C-alpha atoms as a PDB file:
ATOM      1  CA  UNK A   1     262.464  80.096 341.991  1.00  0.00           C
ATOM      2  CA  UNK A   2     259.090  78.394 341.925  1.00  0.00           C
ATOM      3  CA  UNK A   3     258.145  75.770 339.343  1.00  0.00           C
ATOM      4  CA  UNK A   4     255.715  76.715 336.578  1.00  0.00           C
ATOM      5  CA  UNK A   5     252.018  76.163 337.195  1.00  0.00           C
ATOM      6  CA  UNK A   6     251.783  73.798 334.198  1.00  0.00           C
ATOM      7  CA  UNK A   7     254.613  71.637 332.910  1.00  0.00           C
ATOM      8  CA  UNK A   8     255.316  72.422 329.262  1.00  0.00           C
ATOM      9  CA  UNK A   9     255.931  68.749 328.416  1.00  0.00           C
ATOM     10  CA  UNK A  10     253.888  65.921 329.870  1.00  0.00           C
ATOM     11  CA  UNK A  11     252.591  62.902 327.974  1.00  0.00           C
ATOM     12  CA  UNK A  12     249.005  62.051 328.799  1.00  0.00           C
ATOM     13  CA  UNK A  13     248.177  58.922 330.769  1.00  0.00           C
ATOM     14  CA  UNK A  14     247.351  55.775 328.821  1.00  0.00           C
ATOM     15  CA  UNK A  15     244.100  53.950 329.645  1.00  0.00           C
ATOM     16  CA  UNK A  16     244.778  51.435 332.425  1.00  0.00           C
ATOM     17  CA  UNK A  17     248.213  52.906 333.200  1.00  0.00           C
ATOM     18  CA  UNK A  18     249.417  53.030 336.809  1.00  0.00           C
ATOM     19  CA  UNK A  19     250.316  56.382 338.319  1.00  0.00           C
ATOM     20  CA  UNK A  20     253.940  55.346 338.859  1.00  0.00           C
ATOM     21  CA  UNK A  21     254.306  54.284 335.209  1.00  0.00           C
ATOM     22  CA  UNK A  22     252.956  57.611 333.996  1.00  0.00           C
ATOM     23  CA  UNK A  23     255.299  59.515 336.313  1.00  0.00           C
ATOM     24  CA  UNK A  24     258.245  57.481 334.981  1.00  0.00           C
ATOM     25  CA  UNK A  25     257.305  58.588 331.463  1.00  0.00           C
ATOM     26  CA  UNK A  26     257.018  62.238 332.524  1.00  0.00           C
ATOM     27  CA  UNK A  27     260.294  62.094 334.472  1.00  0.00           C
ATOM     28  CA  UNK A  28     262.091  60.620 331.459  1.00  0.00           C
ATOM     29  CA  UNK A  29     261.022  63.615 329.350  1.00  0.00           C
ATOM     30  CA  UNK A  30     262.915  65.835 331.810  1.00  0.00           C
ATOM     31  CA  UNK A  31     265.776  63.325 332.276  1.00  0.00           C
ATOM     32  CA  UNK A  32     264.921  62.863 335.951  1.00  0.00           C
ATOM     33  CA  UNK A  33     264.057  59.988 338.240  1.00  0.00           C
ATOM     34  CA  UNK A  34     260.550  59.780 339.684  1.00  0.00           C
ATOM     35  CA  UNK A  35     261.975  60.750 343.083  1.00  0.00           C
ATOM     36  CA  UNK A  36     263.562  63.857 341.597  1.00  0.00           C
ATOM     37  CA  UNK A  37     260.332  64.728 339.787  1.00  0.00           C
ATOM     38  CA  UNK A  38     258.331  64.394 343.006  1.00  0.00           C
ATOM     39  CA  UNK A  39     260.802  66.489 344.986  1.00  0.00           C
ATOM     40  CA  UNK A  40     261.824  69.182 342.500  1.00  0.00           C
ATOM     41  CA  UNK A  41     258.912  69.232 340.071  1.00  0.00           C
ATOM     42  CA  UNK A  42     256.091  68.811 342.573  1.00  0.00           C
ATOM     43  CA  UNK A  43     257.647  70.004 345.848  1.00  0.00           C
ATOM     44  CA  UNK A  44     256.735  66.827 347.745  1.00  0.00           C
ATOM     45  CA  UNK A  45     258.731  64.283 349.728  1.00  0.00           C
ATOM     46  CA  UNK A  46     260.309  61.706 347.376  1.00  0.00           C
ATOM     47  CA  UNK A  47     259.779  59.078 350.097  1.00  0.00           C
ATOM     48  CA  UNK A  48     256.163  58.958 348.818  1.00  0.00           C
ATOM     49  CA  UNK A  49     257.309  57.006 345.761  1.00  0.00           C
ATOM     50  CA  UNK A  50     256.477  53.525 347.169  1.00  0.00           C
ATOM     51  CA  UNK A  51     252.849  54.587 347.822  1.00  0.00           C
ATOM     52  CA  UNK A  52     252.128  56.039 344.359  1.00  0.00           C
ATOM     53  CA  UNK A  53     250.181  53.038 343.096  1.00  0.00           C
ATOM     54  CA  UNK A  54     248.449  52.287 346.397  1.00  0.00           C
ATOM     55  CA  UNK A  55     247.208  55.501 347.968  1.00  0.00           C
ATOM     56  CA  UNK A  56     249.068  58.719 347.123  1.00  0.00           C
ATOM     57  CA  UNK A  57     248.402  61.724 349.362  1.00  0.00           C
ATOM     58  CA  UNK A  58     245.612  64.022 348.148  1.00  0.00           C
ATOM     59  CA  UNK A  59     248.029  66.984 348.175  1.00  0.00           C
ATOM     60  CA  UNK A  60     250.282  65.183 345.684  1.00  0.00           C
ATOM     61  CA  UNK A  61     247.323  64.486 343.399  1.00  0.00           C
ATOM     62  CA  UNK A  62     246.272  68.140 343.629  1.00  0.00           C
ATOM     63  CA  UNK A  63     249.747  69.319 342.641  1.00  0.00           C
ATOM     64  CA  UNK A  64     249.916  66.802 339.788  1.00  0.00           C
ATOM     65  CA  UNK A  65     246.525  67.961 338.546  1.00  0.00           C
ATOM     66  CA  UNK A  66     247.745  71.551 338.577  1.00  0.00           C
ATOM     67  CA  UNK A  67     251.003  70.721 336.734  1.00  0.00           C
ATOM     68  CA  UNK A  68     249.405  68.495 334.071  1.00  0.00           C
ATOM     69  CA  UNK A  69     245.787  69.572 333.676  1.00  0.00           C
ATOM     70  CA  UNK A  70     244.623  65.984 334.350  1.00  0.00           C
ATOM     71  CA  UNK A  71     241.751  65.924 336.850  1.00  0.00           C
ATOM     72  CA  UNK A  72     242.342  64.710 340.378  1.00  0.00           C
ATOM     73  CA  UNK A  73     239.643  62.050 339.890  1.00  0.00           C
ATOM     74  CA  UNK A  74     241.416  60.696 336.796  1.00  0.00           C
ATOM     75  CA  UNK A  75     244.724  60.608 338.684  1.00  0.00           C
ATOM     76  CA  UNK A  76     243.102  58.766 341.603  1.00  0.00           C
ATOM     77  CA  UNK A  77     241.806  56.128 339.175  1.00  0.00           C
ATOM     78  CA  UNK A  78     245.437  55.389 338.314  1.00  0.00           C
ATOM     79  CA  UNK A  79     246.073  53.923 341.789  1.00  0.00           C
ATOM     80  CA  UNK A  80     244.510  51.110 343.817  1.00  0.00           C
ATOM     81  CA  UNK A  81     242.735  53.495 346.195  1.00  0.00           C
ATOM     82  CA  UNK A  82     240.763  54.820 343.241  1.00  0.00           C
ATOM     83  CA  UNK A  83     239.552  51.298 342.403  1.00  0.00           C
ATOM     84  CA  UNK A  84     238.822  50.104 345.950  1.00  0.00           C
ATOM     85  CA  UNK A  85     235.027  50.210 345.812  1.00  0.00           C
ATOM     86  CA  UNK A  86     235.018  48.185 342.577  1.00  0.00           C
ATOM     87  CA  UNK A  87     237.709  45.680 343.605  1.00  0.00           C
ATOM     88  CA  UNK A  88     235.858  44.474 346.696  1.00  0.00           C
END
């Protein structure tokens, strides 16, 4: 069974919120951990969890964009890699 293209329940990100924080909020809606959400809800390796706020893989951002309707650019802004040019 494949997961739905768009999750039926997913709170939107809050301005300034980190990607990991937002995923915790989504996972809690489904009574899952972030690792479980990444593995079962997104089909990615849950070992990626430590890198969520630094530099998540583009494939993970693409899948998240598909499941939530949030643009990949907006998702990238929720991690340090998305702010790198402005932090330097």
